Amino acid sequence: MKNLIKLEEVFMFGLSIFLFSRLDYAWWWYPLLIFAPDLSMIGYLGGTQLGAAVYNFVHHKAVGISVFILGIILVSQPLQLIGLILFGHSSMDRILGYGLKYPDAFEHTHLGMIGNSK
């Protein structure tokens, strides 16, 4: 089951790359921005509860999809780009085993424990 879910995430990551290719941006923007959503870890400076809330908001796929759709409605390629980066990054994280965070510890995710806590 775990591999099936990872395969699904690979296809969603691929979808984000495909949709990005339809925007008028140079190819290097995607790899340059793909790790930008990890800046949300700064929320952990305010504690694990705030950190998990900020991190989970930024890494929730519905947020990325919503921003992308808003970009389509408003005919805004920058919003579409932001939405695709958020969506693609979240899929990439899940492929690598990083999930949404529980408020008790950064290592405690909906996909299990990560890092040395395994």
C-alpha atoms as a PDB file:
ATOM      1  CA  MET A   1       0.000   0.000   0.000  1.00  0.00           C
ATOM      2  CA  LYS A   2       2.834   2.380   0.850  1.00  0.00           C
ATOM      3  CA  ASN A   3       4.341   1.977  -2.636  1.00  0.00           C
ATOM      4  CA  LEU A   4       0.960   2.514  -4.270  1.00  0.00           C
ATOM      5  CA  ILE A   5       0.543   5.805  -2.412  1.00  0.00           C
ATOM      6  CA  LYS A   6       4.080   6.850  -3.390  1.00  0.00           C
ATOM      7  CA  LEU A   7       3.290   6.050  -7.025  1.00  0.00           C
ATOM      8  CA  GLU A   8       0.208   8.253  -6.796  1.00  0.00           C
ATOM      9  CA  GLU A   9       2.374  11.080  -5.417  1.00  0.00           C
ATOM     10  CA  VAL A  10       4.886  10.605  -8.259  1.00  0.00           C
ATOM     11  CA  PHE A  11       2.076  11.161 -10.751  1.00  0.00           C
ATOM     12  CA  MET A  12       0.869  14.272  -8.893  1.00  0.00           C
ATOM     13  CA  PHE A  13       4.418  15.630  -8.857  1.00  0.00           C
ATOM     14  CA  GLY A  14       4.592  14.934 -12.590  1.00  0.00           C
ATOM     15  CA  LEU A  15       1.278  16.740 -13.062  1.00  0.00           C
ATOM     16  CA  SER A  16       2.696  19.832 -11.385  1.00  0.00           C
ATOM     17  CA  ILE A  17       5.701  19.750 -13.724  1.00  0.00           C
ATOM     18  CA  PHE A  18       3.456  19.261 -16.753  1.00  0.00           C
ATOM     19  CA  LEU A  19       1.199  22.171 -15.777  1.00  0.00           C
ATOM     20  CA  PHE A  20       4.264  24.307 -15.075  1.00  0.00           C
ATOM     21  CA  SER A  21       5.478  23.604 -18.620  1.00  0.00           C
ATOM     22  CA  ARG A  22       2.284  25.282 -19.875  1.00  0.00           C
ATOM     23  CA  LEU A  23       3.162  28.563 -18.131  1.00  0.00           C
ATOM     24  CA  ASP A  24       5.385  31.242 -19.649  1.00  0.00           C
ATOM     25  CA  TYR A  25       8.330  30.741 -17.296  1.00  0.00           C
ATOM     26  CA  ALA A  26      11.836  29.503 -18.021  1.00  0.00           C
ATOM     27  CA  TRP A  27      12.335  25.876 -16.957  1.00  0.00           C
ATOM     28  CA  TRP A  28      14.827  26.811 -14.213  1.00  0.00           C
ATOM     29  CA  TRP A  29      12.138  28.567 -12.139  1.00  0.00           C
ATOM     30  CA  TYR A  30      10.655  25.224 -11.081  1.00  0.00           C
ATOM     31  CA  PRO A  31      13.809  23.721  -9.541  1.00  0.00           C
ATOM     32  CA  LEU A  32      14.734  27.107  -8.101  1.00  0.00           C
ATOM     33  CA  LEU A  33      11.409  27.462  -6.234  1.00  0.00           C
ATOM     34  CA  ILE A  34      10.511  23.838  -5.422  1.00  0.00           C
ATOM     35  CA  PHE A  35      12.044  23.983  -1.921  1.00  0.00           C
ATOM     36  CA  ALA A  36      10.646  27.449  -1.071  1.00  0.00           C
ATOM     37  CA  PRO A  37       7.646  26.014   0.844  1.00  0.00           C
ATOM     38  CA  ASP A  38      10.095  24.571   3.384  1.00  0.00           C
ATOM     39  CA  LEU A  39      10.620  28.123   4.617  1.00  0.00           C
ATOM     40  CA  SER A  40       7.402  27.455   6.541  1.00  0.00           C
ATOM     41  CA  MET A  41       9.559  25.548   9.050  1.00  0.00           C
ATOM     42  CA  ILE A  42      10.416  28.971  10.452  1.00  0.00           C
ATOM     43  CA  GLY A  43       7.077  28.669  12.266  1.00  0.00           C
ATOM     44  CA  TYR A  44       8.752  26.181  14.602  1.00  0.00           C
ATOM     45  CA  LEU A  45      10.629  29.087  16.164  1.00  0.00           C
ATOM     46  CA  GLY A  46       7.289  29.819  17.870  1.00  0.00           C
ATOM     47  CA  GLY A  47       6.980  26.267  19.218  1.00  0.00           C
ATOM     48  CA  THR A  48       5.778  22.931  17.897  1.00  0.00           C
ATOM     49  CA  GLN A  49       2.074  23.818  17.810  1.00  0.00           C
ATOM     50  CA  LEU A  50       2.567  27.012  15.806  1.00  0.00           C
ATOM     51  CA  GLY A  51       5.211  25.343  13.657  1.00  0.00           C
ATOM     52  CA  ALA A  52       2.961  22.410  12.797  1.00  0.00           C
ATOM     53  CA  ALA A  53       0.047  24.743  11.983  1.00  0.00           C
ATOM     54  CA  VAL A  54       2.116  26.937   9.648  1.00  0.00           C
ATOM     55  CA  TYR A  55       3.912  23.973   8.066  1.00  0.00           C
ATOM     56  CA  ASN A  56       0.671  22.034   7.516  1.00  0.00           C
ATOM     57  CA  PHE A  57      -1.092  25.039   5.996  1.00  0.00           C
ATOM     58  CA  VAL A  58       1.690  25.583   3.456  1.00  0.00           C
ATOM     59  CA  HIS A  59       2.009  21.851   2.731  1.00  0.00           C
ATOM     60  CA  HIS A  60      -1.712  21.132   2.369  1.00  0.00           C
ATOM     61  CA  LYS A  61      -2.424  20.220  -1.244  1.00  0.00           C
ATOM     62  CA  ALA A  62      -5.818  21.938  -1.183  1.00  0.00           C
ATOM     63  CA  VAL A  63      -4.039  25.246  -0.573  1.00  0.00           C
ATOM     64  CA  GLY A  64      -1.803  24.737  -3.609  1.00  0.00           C
ATOM     65  CA  ILE A  65      -4.740  23.681  -5.785  1.00  0.00           C
ATOM     66  CA  SER A  66      -6.822  26.643  -4.575  1.00  0.00           C
ATOM     67  CA  VAL A  67      -4.068  29.142  -5.312  1.00  0.00           C
ATOM     68  CA  PHE A  68      -3.572  27.610  -8.774  1.00  0.00           C
ATOM     69  CA  ILE A  69      -7.309  27.786  -9.551  1.00  0.00           C
ATOM     70  CA  LEU A  70      -7.449  31.363  -8.253  1.00  0.00           C
ATOM     71  CA  GLY A  71      -4.589  32.132 -10.642  1.00  0.00           C
ATOM     72  CA  ILE A  72      -6.611  30.674 -13.519  1.00  0.00           C
ATOM     73  CA  ILE A  73      -9.720  32.669 -12.559  1.00  0.00           C
ATOM     74  CA  LEU A  74      -7.742  35.907 -12.177  1.00  0.00           C
ATOM     75  CA  VAL A  75      -5.589  35.111 -15.228  1.00  0.00           C
ATOM     76  CA  SER A  76      -2.484  35.450 -13.052  1.00  0.00           C
ATOM     77  CA  GLN A  77       0.477  33.300 -14.003  1.00  0.00           C
ATOM     78  CA  PRO A  78       2.370  34.211 -10.791  1.00  0.00           C
ATOM     79  CA  LEU A  79      -0.524  32.804  -8.712  1.00  0.00           C
ATOM     80  CA  GLN A  80      -0.634  29.714 -10.924  1.00  0.00           C
ATOM     81  CA  LEU A  81       3.111  29.272 -10.406  1.00  0.00           C
ATOM     82  CA  ILE A  82       2.796  29.601  -6.626  1.00  0.00           C
ATOM     83  CA  GLY A  83      -0.035  27.063  -6.577  1.00  0.00           C
ATOM     84  CA  LEU A  84       1.936  24.573  -8.675  1.00  0.00           C
ATOM     85  CA  ILE A  85       5.027  24.963  -6.517  1.00  0.00           C
ATOM     86  CA  LEU A  86       2.997  24.387  -3.333  1.00  0.00           C
ATOM     87  CA  PHE A  87       1.244  21.356  -4.848  1.00  0.00           C
ATOM     88  CA  GLY A  88       4.381  19.885  -6.418  1.00  0.00           C
ATOM     89  CA  HIS A  89       6.447  20.386  -3.271  1.00  0.00           C
ATOM     90  CA  SER A  90       3.824  18.667  -1.126  1.00  0.00           C
ATOM     91  CA  SER A  91       3.791  15.680  -3.487  1.00  0.00           C
ATOM     92  CA  MET A  92       7.592  15.553  -3.512  1.00  0.00           C
ATOM     93  CA  ASP A  93       7.668  15.601   0.294  1.00  0.00           C
ATOM     94  CA  ARG A  94       5.236  12.701   0.494  1.00  0.00           C
ATOM     95  CA  ILE A  95       7.273  10.690  -2.032  1.00  0.00           C
ATOM     96  CA  LEU A  96      10.237  11.128   0.319  1.00  0.00           C
ATOM     97  CA  GLY A  97       8.179  10.150   3.371  1.00  0.00           C
ATOM     98  CA  TYR A  98       7.637  13.605   4.860  1.00  0.00           C
ATOM     99  CA  GLY A  99       4.055  14.187   5.818  1.00  0.00           C
ATOM    100  CA  LEU A 100       1.896  16.710   7.581  1.00  0.00           C
ATOM    101  CA  LYS A 101       3.071  17.376  11.126  1.00  0.00           C
ATOM    102  CA  TYR A 102       1.458  16.584  14.452  1.00  0.00           C
ATOM    103  CA  PRO A 103       1.795  19.393  17.027  1.00  0.00           C
ATOM    104  CA  ASP A 104       3.850  17.344  19.492  1.00  0.00           C
ATOM    105  CA  ALA A 105       7.075  17.039  17.452  1.00  0.00           C
ATOM    106  CA  PHE A 106       8.436  17.937  14.018  1.00  0.00           C
ATOM    107  CA  GLU A 107       9.371  14.296  13.422  1.00  0.00           C
ATOM    108  CA  HIS A 108       5.813  13.042  14.061  1.00  0.00           C
ATOM    109  CA  THR A 109       3.975  13.062  10.715  1.00  0.00           C
ATOM    110  CA  HIS A 110       0.821  11.542   9.305  1.00  0.00           C
ATOM    111  CA  LEU A 111       3.098   9.119   7.395  1.00  0.00           C
ATOM    112  CA  GLY A 112       4.919   8.027  10.560  1.00  0.00           C
ATOM    113  CA  MET A 113       8.090   9.121  12.309  1.00  0.00           C
ATOM    114  CA  ILE A 114      10.937  10.626  10.312  1.00  0.00           C
ATOM    115  CA  GLY A 115      14.657  11.018  10.990  1.00  0.00           C
ATOM    116  CA  ASN A 116      16.342   9.511  14.049  1.00  0.00           C
ATOM    117  CA  SER A 117      12.947   9.050  15.732  1.00  0.00           C
ATOM    118  CA  LYS A 118      12.052   6.068  13.534  1.00  0.00           C
END
